[in-house]
Amino acid sequence: MLVLSRFAEASVPPGFEQRTEDLLVALGDRPGFLGGRLVRSTDEGGGWVLVLEWESVGDWRRAFSPYDLRVRATDYFAHAEDSPSAYELLLEVAPGGVVVRGSSDRTTRQRGVDEGGRGSDSL
């Protein structure tokens, strides 16, 4: 799964790159962490995106259970834009045209209806 956190150029605090590196190093020791990247837009006035890759949603969520990491991450992500950030991998094409398809539990449920048949805002 991928986690994409966007940061507007104007909201990036001083020392942002070093804080990102420190966070990535801390996350690197967590089970299920596959990698992380900080990228910056090449467009004028563009922003930043932190890209995290995890084996599963559960690994991503459990990564922040240690108190010190949760505090550090809360302060860090407070500067991120408020938008969806977690994405599951459904299709990937590797060099040479090799296709890899992921699976999703979302395809087995109706949008807006949970297992009990009640309407919901999230899936």
PDB file of N, CA and C in Angstrom:
ATOM      1  N   MET A   1       0.833  -1.160   0.000  1.00  0.00           N
ATOM      2  CA  MET A   1       0.000   0.000   0.000  1.00  0.00           C
ATOM      3  C   MET A   1       0.885   1.233   0.000  1.00  0.00           C
ATOM      4  N   LEU A   2       0.364   2.297  -0.534  1.00  0.00           N
ATOM      5  CA  LEU A   2       1.079   3.569  -0.584  1.00  0.00           C
ATOM      6  C   LEU A   2       0.382   4.597   0.287  1.00  0.00           C
ATOM      7  N   VAL A   3       1.188   5.426   0.925  1.00  0.00           N
ATOM      8  CA  VAL A   3       0.670   6.558   1.679  1.00  0.00           C
ATOM      9  C   VAL A   3       1.309   7.804   1.069  1.00  0.00           C
ATOM     10  N   LEU A   4       0.469   8.711   0.566  1.00  0.00           N
ATOM     11  CA  LEU A   4       0.941   9.940  -0.068  1.00  0.00           C
ATOM     12  C   LEU A   4       0.482  11.126   0.764  1.00  0.00           C
ATOM     13  N   SER A   5       1.430  11.844   1.328  1.00  0.00           N
ATOM     14  CA  SER A   5       1.110  13.025   2.133  1.00  0.00           C
ATOM     15  C   SER A   5       1.652  14.253   1.433  1.00  0.00           C
ATOM     16  N   ARG A   6       0.751  15.189   1.130  1.00  0.00           N
ATOM     17  CA  ARG A   6       1.125  16.405   0.398  1.00  0.00           C
ATOM     18  C   ARG A   6       1.333  17.564   1.359  1.00  0.00           C
ATOM     19  N   PHE A   7       2.343  18.369   1.040  1.00  0.00           N
ATOM     20  CA  PHE A   7       2.674  19.543   1.843  1.00  0.00           C
ATOM     21  C   PHE A   7       2.792  20.741   0.915  1.00  0.00           C
ATOM     22  N   ALA A   8       2.009  21.770   1.158  1.00  0.00           N
ATOM     23  CA  ALA A   8       2.107  23.000   0.366  1.00  0.00           C
ATOM     24  C   ALA A   8       3.426  23.686   0.699  1.00  0.00           C
ATOM     25  N   GLU A   9       4.035  24.295  -0.283  1.00  0.00           N
ATOM     26  CA  GLU A   9       5.320  24.969  -0.096  1.00  0.00           C
ATOM     27  C   GLU A   9       5.265  25.952   1.075  1.00  0.00           C
ATOM     28  N   ALA A  10       4.176  26.681   1.177  1.00  0.00           N
ATOM     29  CA  ALA A  10       4.044  27.701   2.222  1.00  0.00           C
ATOM     30  C   ALA A  10       3.917  27.104   3.629  1.00  0.00           C
ATOM     31  N   SER A  11       3.486  25.834   3.736  1.00  0.00           N
ATOM     32  CA  SER A  11       3.286  25.236   5.056  1.00  0.00           C
ATOM     33  C   SER A  11       4.487  24.426   5.544  1.00  0.00           C
ATOM     34  N   VAL A  12       5.524  24.319   4.716  1.00  0.00           N
ATOM     35  CA  VAL A  12       6.693  23.530   5.092  1.00  0.00           C
ATOM     36  C   VAL A  12       7.526  24.303   6.117  1.00  0.00           C
ATOM     37  N   PRO A  13       7.695  23.736   7.318  1.00  0.00           N
ATOM     38  CA  PRO A  13       8.446  24.446   8.364  1.00  0.00           C
ATOM     39  C   PRO A  13       9.957  24.382   8.119  1.00  0.00           C
ATOM     40  N   PRO A  14      10.716  25.242   8.776  1.00  0.00           N
ATOM     41  CA  PRO A  14      12.177  25.179   8.670  1.00  0.00           C
ATOM     42  C   PRO A  14      12.677  23.796   9.104  1.00  0.00           C
ATOM     43  N   GLY A  15      13.695  23.312   8.421  1.00  0.00           N
ATOM     44  CA  GLY A  15      14.260  22.010   8.750  1.00  0.00           C
ATOM     45  C   GLY A  15      13.416  20.837   8.291  1.00  0.00           C
ATOM     46  N   PHE A  16      12.497  21.080   7.358  1.00  0.00           N
ATOM     47  CA  PHE A  16      11.564  20.051   6.901  1.00  0.00           C
ATOM     48  C   PHE A  16      12.278  18.826   6.332  1.00  0.00           C
ATOM     49  N   GLU A  17      13.282  19.034   5.518  1.00  0.00           N
ATOM     50  CA  GLU A  17      13.981  17.898   4.912  1.00  0.00           C
ATOM     51  C   GLU A  17      14.646  17.030   5.986  1.00  0.00           C
ATOM     52  N   GLN A  18      15.280  17.644   6.975  1.00  0.00           N
ATOM     53  CA  GLN A  18      15.924  16.875   8.043  1.00  0.00           C
ATOM     54  C   GLN A  18      14.892  16.160   8.904  1.00  0.00           C
ATOM     55  N   ARG A  19      13.777  16.828   9.187  1.00  0.00           N
ATOM     56  CA  ARG A  19      12.703  16.192   9.963  1.00  0.00           C
ATOM     57  C   ARG A  19      12.139  14.998   9.213  1.00  0.00           C
ATOM     58  N   THR A  20      12.040  15.133   7.886  1.00  0.00           N
ATOM     59  CA  THR A  20      11.551  14.021   7.072  1.00  0.00           C
ATOM     60  C   THR A  20      12.531  12.859   7.126  1.00  0.00           C
ATOM     61  N   GLU A  21      13.810  13.164   6.993  1.00  0.00           N
ATOM     62  CA  GLU A  21      14.821  12.107   7.060  1.00  0.00           C
ATOM     63  C   GLU A  21      14.759  11.387   8.407  1.00  0.00           C
ATOM     64  N   ASP A  22      14.659  12.134   9.491  1.00  0.00           N
ATOM     65  CA  ASP A  22      14.584  11.536  10.821  1.00  0.00           C
ATOM     66  C   ASP A  22      13.362  10.626  10.945  1.00  0.00           C
ATOM     67  N   LEU A  23      12.224  11.078  10.425  1.00  0.00           N
ATOM     68  CA  LEU A  23      11.008  10.277  10.476  1.00  0.00           C
ATOM     69  C   LEU A  23      11.165   9.003   9.645  1.00  0.00           C
ATOM     70  N   LEU A  24      11.732   9.123   8.446  1.00  0.00           N
ATOM     71  CA  LEU A  24      11.918   7.953   7.592  1.00  0.00           C
ATOM     72  C   LEU A  24      12.861   6.934   8.219  1.00  0.00           C
ATOM     73  N   VAL A  25      13.908   7.412   8.863  1.00  0.00           N
ATOM     74  CA  VAL A  25      14.836   6.497   9.537  1.00  0.00           C
ATOM     75  C   VAL A  25      14.108   5.754  10.659  1.00  0.00           C
ATOM     76  N   ALA A  26      13.292   6.462  11.426  1.00  0.00           N
ATOM     77  CA  ALA A  26      12.528   5.829  12.507  1.00  0.00           C
ATOM     78  C   ALA A  26      11.528   4.819  11.951  1.00  0.00           C
ATOM     79  N   LEU A  27      10.855   5.168  10.863  1.00  0.00           N
ATOM     80  CA  LEU A  27       9.892   4.250  10.254  1.00  0.00           C
ATOM     81  C   LEU A  27      10.585   3.043   9.634  1.00  0.00           C
ATOM     82  N   GLY A  28      11.835   3.220   9.211  1.00  0.00           N
ATOM     83  CA  GLY A  28      12.584   2.141   8.581  1.00  0.00           C
ATOM     84  C   GLY A  28      12.748   0.920   9.469  1.00  0.00           C
ATOM     85  N   ASP A  29      12.636   1.086  10.767  1.00  0.00           N
ATOM     86  CA  ASP A  29      12.756  -0.032  11.702  1.00  0.00           C
ATOM     87  C   ASP A  29      11.429  -0.717  11.987  1.00  0.00           C
ATOM     88  N   ARG A  30      10.341  -0.188  11.454  1.00  0.00           N
ATOM     89  CA  ARG A  30       9.016  -0.738  11.752  1.00  0.00           C
ATOM     90  C   ARG A  30       8.697  -1.911  10.823  1.00  0.00           C
ATOM     91  N   PRO A  31       8.042  -2.943  11.348  1.00  0.00           N
ATOM     92  CA  PRO A  31       7.652  -4.090  10.515  1.00  0.00           C
ATOM     93  C   PRO A  31       6.752  -3.656   9.363  1.00  0.00           C
ATOM     94  N   GLY A  32       6.997  -4.206   8.199  1.00  0.00           N
ATOM     95  CA  GLY A  32       6.174  -3.935   7.025  1.00  0.00           C
ATOM     96  C   GLY A  32       6.565  -2.709   6.230  1.00  0.00           C
ATOM     97  N   PHE A  33       7.546  -1.923   6.705  1.00  0.00           N
ATOM     98  CA  PHE A  33       7.978  -0.726   5.979  1.00  0.00           C
ATOM     99  C   PHE A  33       8.809  -1.155   4.780  1.00  0.00           C
ATOM    100  N   LEU A  34       8.406  -0.720   3.588  1.00  0.00           N
ATOM    101  CA  LEU A  34       9.117  -1.083   2.362  1.00  0.00           C
ATOM    102  C   LEU A  34       9.965   0.054   1.811  1.00  0.00           C
ATOM    103  N   GLY A  35       9.690   1.280   2.217  1.00  0.00           N
ATOM    104  CA  GLY A  35      10.492   2.403   1.753  1.00  0.00           C
ATOM    105  C   GLY A  35       9.748   3.714   1.823  1.00  0.00           C
ATOM    106  N   GLY A  36      10.502   4.788   1.697  1.00  0.00           N
ATOM    107  CA  GLY A  36       9.918   6.120   1.730  1.00  0.00           C
ATOM    108  C   GLY A  36      10.737   7.090   0.902  1.00  0.00           C
ATOM    109  N   ARG A  37      10.055   8.079   0.344  1.00  0.00           N
ATOM    110  CA  ARG A  37      10.699   9.095  -0.483  1.00  0.00           C
ATOM    111  C   ARG A  37      10.061  10.450  -0.213  1.00  0.00           C
ATOM    112  N   LEU A  38      10.876  11.468  -0.216  1.00  0.00           N
ATOM    113  CA  LEU A  38      10.371  12.836  -0.183  1.00  0.00           C
ATOM    114  C   LEU A  38      10.651  13.422  -1.558  1.00  0.00           C
ATOM    115  N   VAL A  39       9.609  13.909  -2.216  1.00  0.00           N
ATOM    116  CA  VAL A  39       9.765  14.498  -3.542  1.00  0.00           C
ATOM    117  C   VAL A  39       9.210  15.913  -3.523  1.00  0.00           C
ATOM    118  N   ARG A  40       9.766  16.748  -4.387  1.00  0.00           N
ATOM    119  CA  ARG A  40       9.314  18.142  -4.471  1.00  0.00           C
ATOM    120  C   ARG A  40       8.895  18.426  -5.902  1.00  0.00           C
ATOM    121  N   SER A  41       7.842  19.189  -6.049  1.00  0.00           N
ATOM    122  CA  SER A  41       7.349  19.570  -7.366  1.00  0.00           C
ATOM    123  C   SER A  41       8.400  20.397  -8.099  1.00  0.00           C
ATOM    124  N   THR A  42       8.509  20.165  -9.392  1.00  0.00           N
ATOM    125  CA  THR A  42       9.417  20.970 -10.206  1.00  0.00           C
ATOM    126  C   THR A  42       8.731  22.222 -10.737  1.00  0.00           C
ATOM    127  N   ASP A  43       7.416  22.320 -10.521  1.00  0.00           N
ATOM    128  CA  ASP A  43       6.684  23.510 -10.948  1.00  0.00           C
ATOM    129  C   ASP A  43       6.916  24.646  -9.960  1.00  0.00           C
ATOM    130  N   GLU A  44       6.928  25.849 -10.466  1.00  0.00           N
ATOM    131  CA  GLU A  44       7.097  27.014  -9.599  1.00  0.00           C
ATOM    132  C   GLU A  44       5.959  27.068  -8.597  1.00  0.00           C
ATOM    133  N   GLY A  45       6.314  27.296  -7.343  1.00  0.00           N
ATOM    134  CA  GLY A  45       5.301  27.371  -6.300  1.00  0.00           C
ATOM    135  C   GLY A  45       4.720  26.026  -5.924  1.00  0.00           C
ATOM    136  N   GLY A  46       5.353  24.964  -6.384  1.00  0.00           N
ATOM    137  CA  GLY A  46       4.851  23.624  -6.098  1.00  0.00           C
ATOM    138  C   GLY A  46       5.120  23.220  -4.668  1.00  0.00           C
ATOM    139  N   GLY A  47       4.655  22.068  -4.317  1.00  0.00           N
ATOM    140  CA  GLY A  47       4.819  21.581  -2.960  1.00  0.00           C
ATOM    141  C   GLY A  47       5.648  20.323  -2.897  1.00  0.00           C
ATOM    142  N   TRP A  48       5.496  19.631  -1.806  1.00  0.00           N
ATOM    143  CA  TRP A  48       6.235  18.419  -1.510  1.00  0.00           C
ATOM    144  C   TRP A  48       5.256  17.262  -1.335  1.00  0.00           C
ATOM    145  N   VAL A  49       5.747  16.036  -1.557  1.00  0.00           N
ATOM    146  CA  VAL A  49       4.963  14.835  -1.291  1.00  0.00           C
ATOM    147  C   VAL A  49       5.871  13.823  -0.603  1.00  0.00           C
ATOM    148  N   LEU A  50       5.400  13.297   0.508  1.00  0.00           N
ATOM    149  CA  LEU A  50       6.078  12.203   1.175  1.00  0.00           C
ATOM    150  C   LEU A  50       5.387  10.926   0.716  1.00  0.00           C
ATOM    151  N   VAL A  51       6.154  10.002   0.153  1.00  0.00           N
ATOM    152  CA  VAL A  51       5.629   8.738  -0.360  1.00  0.00           C
ATOM    153  C   VAL A  51       6.158   7.616   0.525  1.00  0.00           C
ATOM    154  N   LEU A  52       5.247   6.905   1.172  1.00  0.00           N
ATOM    155  CA  LEU A  52       5.608   5.768   2.013  1.00  0.00           C
ATOM    156  C   LEU A  52       5.017   4.514   1.406  1.00  0.00           C
ATOM    157  N   GLU A  53       5.775   3.431   1.444  1.00  0.00           N
ATOM    158  CA  GLU A  53       5.272   2.159   0.934  1.00  0.00           C
ATOM    159  C   GLU A  53       5.315   1.132   2.062  1.00  0.00           C
ATOM    160  N   TRP A  54       4.178   0.450   2.255  1.00  0.00           N
ATOM    161  CA  TRP A  54       4.012  -0.528   3.320  1.00  0.00           C
ATOM    162  C   TRP A  54       3.505  -1.847   2.753  1.00  0.00           C
ATOM    163  N   GLU A  55       3.791  -2.946   3.446  1.00  0.00           N
ATOM    164  CA  GLU A  55       3.279  -4.239   3.020  1.00  0.00           C
ATOM    165  C   GLU A  55       1.762  -4.302   3.151  1.00  0.00           C
ATOM    166  N   SER A  56       1.212  -3.651   4.188  1.00  0.00           N
ATOM    167  CA  SER A  56      -0.231  -3.721   4.410  1.00  0.00           C
ATOM    168  C   SER A  56      -0.715  -2.488   5.158  1.00  0.00           C
ATOM    169  N   VAL A  57      -2.020  -2.291   5.145  1.00  0.00           N
ATOM    170  CA  VAL A  57      -2.635  -1.196   5.891  1.00  0.00           C
ATOM    171  C   VAL A  57      -2.369  -1.378   7.378  1.00  0.00           C
ATOM    172  N   GLY A  58      -2.454  -2.603   7.845  1.00  0.00           N
ATOM    173  CA  GLY A  58      -2.216  -2.877   9.258  1.00  0.00           C
ATOM    174  C   GLY A  58      -0.808  -2.500   9.684  1.00  0.00           C
ATOM    175  N   ASP A  59       0.184  -2.811   8.837  1.00  0.00           N
ATOM    176  CA  ASP A  59       1.566  -2.435   9.159  1.00  0.00           C
ATOM    177  C   ASP A  59       1.700  -0.925   9.271  1.00  0.00           C
ATOM    178  N   TRP A  60       1.072  -0.214   8.356  1.00  0.00           N
ATOM    179  CA  TRP A  60       1.123   1.254   8.370  1.00  0.00           C
ATOM    180  C   TRP A  60       0.502   1.798   9.655  1.00  0.00           C
ATOM    181  N   ARG A  61      -0.642   1.289  10.008  1.00  0.00           N
ATOM    182  CA  ARG A  61      -1.321   1.779  11.210  1.00  0.00           C
ATOM    183  C   ARG A  61      -0.565   1.425  12.483  1.00  0.00           C
ATOM    184  N   ARG A  62      -0.033   0.207  12.546  1.00  0.00           N
ATOM    185  CA  ARG A  62       0.709  -0.220  13.740  1.00  0.00           C
ATOM    186  C   ARG A  62       2.065   0.466  13.862  1.00  0.00           C
ATOM    187  N   ALA A  63       2.585   0.990  12.772  1.00  0.00           N
ATOM    188  CA  ALA A  63       3.908   1.629  12.794  1.00  0.00           C
ATOM    189  C   ALA A  63       3.969   2.767  13.797  1.00  0.00           C
ATOM    190  N   PHE A  64       2.852   3.411  14.030  1.00  0.00           N
ATOM    191  CA  PHE A  64       2.826   4.583  14.899  1.00  0.00           C
ATOM    192  C   PHE A  64       2.383   4.252  16.326  1.00  0.00           C
ATOM    193  N   SER A  65       2.404   2.983  16.711  1.00  0.00           N
ATOM    194  CA  SER A  65       2.005   2.645  18.070  1.00  0.00           C
ATOM    195  C   SER A  65       3.026   3.046  19.136  1.00  0.00           C
ATOM    196  N   PRO A  66       4.343   3.032  18.875  1.00  0.00           N
ATOM    197  CA  PRO A  66       5.252   3.536  19.920  1.00  0.00           C
ATOM    198  C   PRO A  66       4.988   5.026  20.184  1.00  0.00           C
ATOM    199  N   TYR A  67       4.892   5.376  21.456  1.00  0.00           N
ATOM    200  CA  TYR A  67       4.522   6.731  21.840  1.00  0.00           C
ATOM    201  C   TYR A  67       5.424   7.796  21.210  1.00  0.00           C
ATOM    202  N   ASP A  68       6.744   7.625  21.277  1.00  0.00           N
ATOM    203  CA  ASP A  68       7.651   8.644  20.762  1.00  0.00           C
ATOM    204  C   ASP A  68       7.492   8.835  19.254  1.00  0.00           C
ATOM    205  N   LEU A  69       7.250   7.753  18.528  1.00  0.00           N
ATOM    206  CA  LEU A  69       7.047   7.866  17.087  1.00  0.00           C
ATOM    207  C   LEU A  69       5.701   8.510  16.771  1.00  0.00           C
ATOM    208  N   ARG A  70       4.685   8.196  17.561  1.00  0.00           N
ATOM    209  CA  ARG A  70       3.363   8.797  17.364  1.00  0.00           C
ATOM    210  C   ARG A  70       3.417  10.311  17.573  1.00  0.00           C
ATOM    211  N   VAL A  71       4.137  10.756  18.610  1.00  0.00           N
ATOM    212  CA  VAL A  71       4.270  12.190  18.880  1.00  0.00           C
ATOM    213  C   VAL A  71       5.017  12.877  17.739  1.00  0.00           C
ATOM    214  N   ARG A  72       6.117  12.283  17.306  1.00  0.00           N
ATOM    215  CA  ARG A  72       6.901  12.863  16.207  1.00  0.00           C
ATOM    216  C   ARG A  72       6.073  12.934  14.919  1.00  0.00           C
ATOM    217  N   ALA A  73       5.352  11.859  14.610  1.00  0.00           N
ATOM    218  CA  ALA A  73       4.553  11.825  13.389  1.00  0.00           C
ATOM    219  C   ALA A  73       3.389  12.808  13.451  1.00  0.00           C
ATOM    220  N   THR A  74       2.757  12.946  14.605  1.00  0.00           N
ATOM    221  CA  THR A  74       1.634  13.875  14.748  1.00  0.00           C
ATOM    222  C   THR A  74       2.081  15.300  14.450  1.00  0.00           C
ATOM    223  N   ASP A  75       3.208  15.683  15.007  1.00  0.00           N
ATOM    224  CA  ASP A  75       3.750  17.021  14.755  1.00  0.00           C
ATOM    225  C   ASP A  75       4.120  17.194  13.280  1.00  0.00           C
ATOM    226  N   TYR A  76       4.708  16.174  12.696  1.00  0.00           N
ATOM    227  CA  TYR A  76       5.138  16.232  11.292  1.00  0.00           C
ATOM    228  C   TYR A  76       3.924  16.340  10.352  1.00  0.00           C
ATOM    229  N   PHE A  77       2.982  15.416  10.497  1.00  0.00           N
ATOM    230  CA  PHE A  77       1.839  15.370   9.585  1.00  0.00           C
ATOM    231  C   PHE A  77       0.835  16.494   9.829  1.00  0.00           C
ATOM    232  N   ALA A  78       0.977  17.236  10.909  1.00  0.00           N
ATOM    233  CA  ALA A  78       0.111  18.394  11.135  1.00  0.00           C
ATOM    234  C   ALA A  78       0.300  19.444  10.044  1.00  0.00           C
ATOM    235  N   HIS A  79       1.425  19.410   9.350  1.00  0.00           N
ATOM    236  CA  HIS A  79       1.707  20.363   8.272  1.00  0.00           C
ATOM    237  C   HIS A  79       1.211  19.874   6.912  1.00  0.00           C
ATOM    238  N   ALA A  80       0.740  18.646   6.847  1.00  0.00           N
ATOM    239  CA  ALA A  80       0.280  18.070   5.578  1.00  0.00           C
ATOM    240  C   ALA A  80      -1.098  18.605   5.210  1.00  0.00           C
ATOM    241  N   GLU A  81      -1.390  18.583   3.906  1.00  0.00           N
ATOM    242  CA  GLU A  81      -2.720  18.968   3.432  1.00  0.00           C
ATOM    243  C   GLU A  81      -3.732  17.927   3.881  1.00  0.00           C
ATOM    244  N   ASP A  82      -4.940  18.367   4.154  1.00  0.00           N
ATOM    245  CA  ASP A  82      -6.014  17.470   4.564  1.00  0.00           C
ATOM    246  C   ASP A  82      -6.644  16.860   3.317  1.00  0.00           C
ATOM    247  N   SER A  83      -6.202  15.667   2.962  1.00  0.00           N
ATOM    248  CA  SER A  83      -6.723  14.973   1.779  1.00  0.00           C
ATOM    249  C   SER A  83      -6.479  13.480   1.970  1.00  0.00           C
ATOM    250  N   PRO A  84      -7.180  12.641   1.195  1.00  0.00           N
ATOM    251  CA  PRO A  84      -6.936  11.199   1.309  1.00  0.00           C
ATOM    252  C   PRO A  84      -5.455  10.899   1.103  1.00  0.00           C
ATOM    253  N   SER A  85      -4.926   9.948   1.883  1.00  0.00           N
ATOM    254  CA  SER A  85      -3.497   9.676   1.771  1.00  0.00           C
ATOM    255  C   SER A  85      -3.162   8.198   1.600  1.00  0.00           C
ATOM    256  N   ALA A  86      -4.038   7.289   1.953  1.00  0.00           N
ATOM    257  CA  ALA A  86      -3.735   5.863   1.871  1.00  0.00           C
ATOM    258  C   ALA A  86      -4.333   5.272   0.594  1.00  0.00           C
ATOM    259  N   TYR A  87      -3.511   4.535  -0.133  1.00  0.00           N
ATOM    260  CA  TYR A  87      -3.920   3.950  -1.411  1.00  0.00           C
ATOM    261  C   TYR A  87      -3.452   2.507  -1.487  1.00  0.00           C
ATOM    262  N   GLU A  88      -4.321   1.638  -2.003  1.00  0.00           N
ATOM    263  CA  GLU A  88      -3.919   0.252  -2.205  1.00  0.00           C
ATOM    264  C   GLU A  88      -3.493   0.054  -3.650  1.00  0.00           C
ATOM    265  N   LEU A  89      -2.505  -0.800  -3.844  1.00  0.00           N
ATOM    266  CA  LEU A  89      -1.964  -1.063  -5.177  1.00  0.00           C
ATOM    267  C   LEU A  89      -2.864  -2.051  -5.903  1.00  0.00           C
ATOM    268  N   LEU A  90      -3.401  -1.641  -7.030  1.00  0.00           N
ATOM    269  CA  LEU A  90      -4.285  -2.497  -7.809  1.00  0.00           C
ATOM    270  C   LEU A  90      -3.655  -2.970  -9.109  1.00  0.00           C
ATOM    271  N   LEU A  91      -2.766  -2.150  -9.689  1.00  0.00           N
ATOM    272  CA  LEU A  91      -2.158  -2.503 -10.969  1.00  0.00           C
ATOM    273  C   LEU A  91      -0.778  -1.875 -11.047  1.00  0.00           C
ATOM    274  N   GLU A  92       0.175  -2.674 -11.446  1.00  0.00           N
ATOM    275  CA  GLU A  92       1.537  -2.192 -11.620  1.00  0.00           C
ATOM    276  C   GLU A  92       2.099  -2.830 -12.881  1.00  0.00           C
ATOM    277  N   VAL A  93       2.808  -2.048 -13.677  1.00  0.00           N
ATOM    278  CA  VAL A  93       3.475  -2.580 -14.853  1.00  0.00           C
ATOM    279  C   VAL A  93       4.965  -2.318 -14.699  1.00  0.00           C
ATOM    280  N   ALA A  94       5.718  -3.397 -14.676  1.00  0.00           N
ATOM    281  CA  ALA A  94       7.162  -3.313 -14.501  1.00  0.00           C
ATOM    282  C   ALA A  94       7.835  -3.155 -15.864  1.00  0.00           C
ATOM    283  N   PRO A  95       9.119  -2.769 -15.869  1.00  0.00           N
ATOM    284  CA  PRO A  95       9.839  -2.702 -17.141  1.00  0.00           C
ATOM    285  C   PRO A  95       9.690  -4.024 -17.898  1.00  0.00           C
ATOM    286  N   GLY A  96       9.537  -3.917 -19.187  1.00  0.00           N
ATOM    287  CA  GLY A  96       9.321  -5.097 -20.007  1.00  0.00           C
ATOM    288  C   GLY A  96       7.857  -5.463 -20.142  1.00  0.00           C
ATOM    289  N   GLY A  97       6.984  -4.653 -19.540  1.00  0.00           N
ATOM    290  CA  GLY A  97       5.551  -4.880 -19.675  1.00  0.00           C
ATOM    291  C   GLY A  97       4.982  -5.942 -18.765  1.00  0.00           C
ATOM    292  N   VAL A  98       5.708  -6.354 -17.729  1.00  0.00           N
ATOM    293  CA  VAL A  98       5.200  -7.351 -16.793  1.00  0.00           C
ATOM    294  C   VAL A  98       4.112  -6.710 -15.939  1.00  0.00           C
ATOM    295  N   VAL A  99       2.914  -7.297 -15.968  1.00  0.00           N
ATOM    296  CA  VAL A  99       1.763  -6.757 -15.247  1.00  0.00           C
ATOM    297  C   VAL A  99       1.595  -7.484 -13.917  1.00  0.00           C
ATOM    298  N   VAL A 100       1.438  -6.710 -12.857  1.00  0.00           N
ATOM    299  CA  VAL A 100       1.162  -7.257 -11.540  1.00  0.00           C
ATOM    300  C   VAL A 100      -0.148  -6.637 -11.079  1.00  0.00           C
ATOM    301  N   ARG A 101      -1.101  -7.480 -10.711  1.00  0.00           N
ATOM    302  CA  ARG A 101      -2.392  -7.006 -10.227  1.00  0.00           C
ATOM    303  C   ARG A 101      -2.510  -7.282  -8.735  1.00  0.00           C
ATOM    304  N   GLY A 102      -2.997  -6.272  -8.011  1.00  0.00           N
ATOM    305  CA  GLY A 102      -3.266  -6.439  -6.597  1.00  0.00           C
ATOM    306  C   GLY A 102      -4.725  -6.762  -6.397  1.00  0.00           C
ATOM    307  N   SER A 103      -5.080  -7.129  -5.189  1.00  0.00           N
ATOM    308  CA  SER A 103      -6.483  -7.399  -4.893  1.00  0.00           C
ATOM    309  C   SER A 103      -6.970  -6.364  -3.892  1.00  0.00           C
ATOM    310  N   SER A 104      -8.285  -6.232  -3.821  1.00  0.00           N
ATOM    311  CA  SER A 104      -8.879  -5.254  -2.929  1.00  0.00           C
ATOM    312  C   SER A 104     -10.132  -5.820  -2.301  1.00  0.00           C
ATOM    313  N   ASP A 105     -10.279  -5.617  -0.987  1.00  0.00           N
ATOM    314  CA  ASP A 105     -11.525  -6.029  -0.355  1.00  0.00           C
ATOM    315  C   ASP A 105     -12.654  -5.063  -0.700  1.00  0.00           C
ATOM    316  N   ARG A 106     -12.299  -3.889  -1.195  1.00  0.00           N
ATOM    317  CA  ARG A 106     -13.322  -2.897  -1.554  1.00  0.00           C
ATOM    318  C   ARG A 106     -14.147  -3.344  -2.750  1.00  0.00           C
ATOM    319  N   THR A 107     -13.611  -4.170  -3.629  1.00  0.00           N
ATOM    320  CA  THR A 107     -14.353  -4.596  -4.809  1.00  0.00           C
ATOM    321  C   THR A 107     -15.449  -5.594  -4.456  1.00  0.00           C
ATOM    322  N   THR A 108     -15.403  -6.166  -3.262  1.00  0.00           N
ATOM    323  CA  THR A 108     -16.415  -7.136  -2.872  1.00  0.00           C
ATOM    324  C   THR A 108     -17.570  -6.507  -2.100  1.00  0.00           C
ATOM    325  N   ARG A 109     -17.464  -5.225  -1.795  1.00  0.00           N
ATOM    326  CA  ARG A 109     -18.526  -4.537  -1.049  1.00  0.00           C
ATOM    327  C   ARG A 109     -19.129  -3.447  -1.914  1.00  0.00           C
ATOM    328  N   GLN A 110     -20.375  -3.154  -1.673  1.00  0.00           N
ATOM    329  CA  GLN A 110     -21.018  -2.054  -2.366  1.00  0.00           C
ATOM    330  C   GLN A 110     -20.540  -0.743  -1.775  1.00  0.00           C
ATOM    331  N   ARG A 111     -20.362   0.245  -2.617  1.00  0.00           N
ATOM    332  CA  ARG A 111     -19.943   1.559  -2.159  1.00  0.00           C
ATOM    333  C   ARG A 111     -21.009   2.144  -1.242  1.00  0.00           C
ATOM    334  N   GLY A 112     -20.580   2.550  -0.034  1.00  0.00           N
ATOM    335  CA  GLY A 112     -21.479   3.222   0.891  1.00  0.00           C
ATOM    336  C   GLY A 112     -22.342   2.295   1.733  1.00  0.00           C
ATOM    337  N   VAL A 113     -22.136   0.958   1.638  1.00  0.00           N
ATOM    338  CA  VAL A 113     -22.928   0.030   2.435  1.00  0.00           C
ATOM    339  C   VAL A 113     -21.971  -0.922   3.138  1.00  0.00           C
ATOM    340  N   ASP A 114     -22.048  -0.981   4.476  1.00  0.00           N
ATOM    341  CA  ASP A 114     -21.164  -1.879   5.210  1.00  0.00           C
ATOM    342  C   ASP A 114     -21.748  -3.291   5.235  1.00  0.00           C
ATOM    343  N   GLU A 115     -21.051  -4.229   5.873  1.00  0.00           N
ATOM    344  CA  GLU A 115     -21.479  -5.618   5.873  1.00  0.00           C
ATOM    345  C   GLU A 115     -22.869  -5.811   6.474  1.00  0.00           C
ATOM    346  N   GLY A 116     -23.289  -4.940   7.369  1.00  0.00           N
ATOM    347  CA  GLY A 116     -24.603  -5.057   7.975  1.00  0.00           C
ATOM    348  C   GLY A 116     -25.717  -4.457   7.142  1.00  0.00           C
ATOM    349  N   GLY A 117     -25.384  -3.929   5.948  1.00  0.00           N
ATOM    350  CA  GLY A 117     -26.383  -3.355   5.077  1.00  0.00           C
ATOM    351  C   GLY A 117     -26.702  -1.908   5.374  1.00  0.00           C
ATOM    352  N   ARG A 118     -25.994  -1.322   6.349  1.00  0.00           N
ATOM    353  CA  ARG A 118     -26.238   0.070   6.707  1.00  0.00           C
ATOM    354  C   ARG A 118     -25.371   0.976   5.850  1.00  0.00           C
ATOM    355  N   GLY A 119     -25.858   2.129   5.532  1.00  0.00           N
ATOM    356  CA  GLY A 119     -25.080   3.107   4.775  1.00  0.00           C
ATOM    357  C   GLY A 119     -23.898   3.605   5.578  1.00  0.00           C
ATOM    358  N   SER A 120     -22.797   3.900   4.910  1.00  0.00           N
ATOM    359  CA  SER A 120     -21.617   4.435   5.592  1.00  0.00           C
ATOM    360  C   SER A 120     -20.910   5.393   4.657  1.00  0.00           C
ATOM    361  N   ASP A 121     -20.087   6.269   5.247  1.00  0.00           N
ATOM    362  CA  ASP A 121     -19.337   7.221   4.454  1.00  0.00           C
ATOM    363  C   ASP A 121     -18.009   6.675   3.996  1.00  0.00           C
ATOM    364  N   SER A 122     -17.510   5.653   4.668  1.00  0.00           N
ATOM    365  CA  SER A 122     -16.215   5.111   4.296  1.00  0.00           C
ATOM    366  C   SER A 122     -16.359   3.636   3.974  1.00  0.00           C
ATOM    367  N   LEU A 123     -15.333   3.139   3.315  1.00  0.00           N
ATOM    368  CA  LEU A 123     -15.369   1.719   2.955  1.00  0.00           C
ATOM    369  C   LEU A 123     -14.359   0.948   3.724  1.00  0.00           C
TER     370      LEU A 123
END
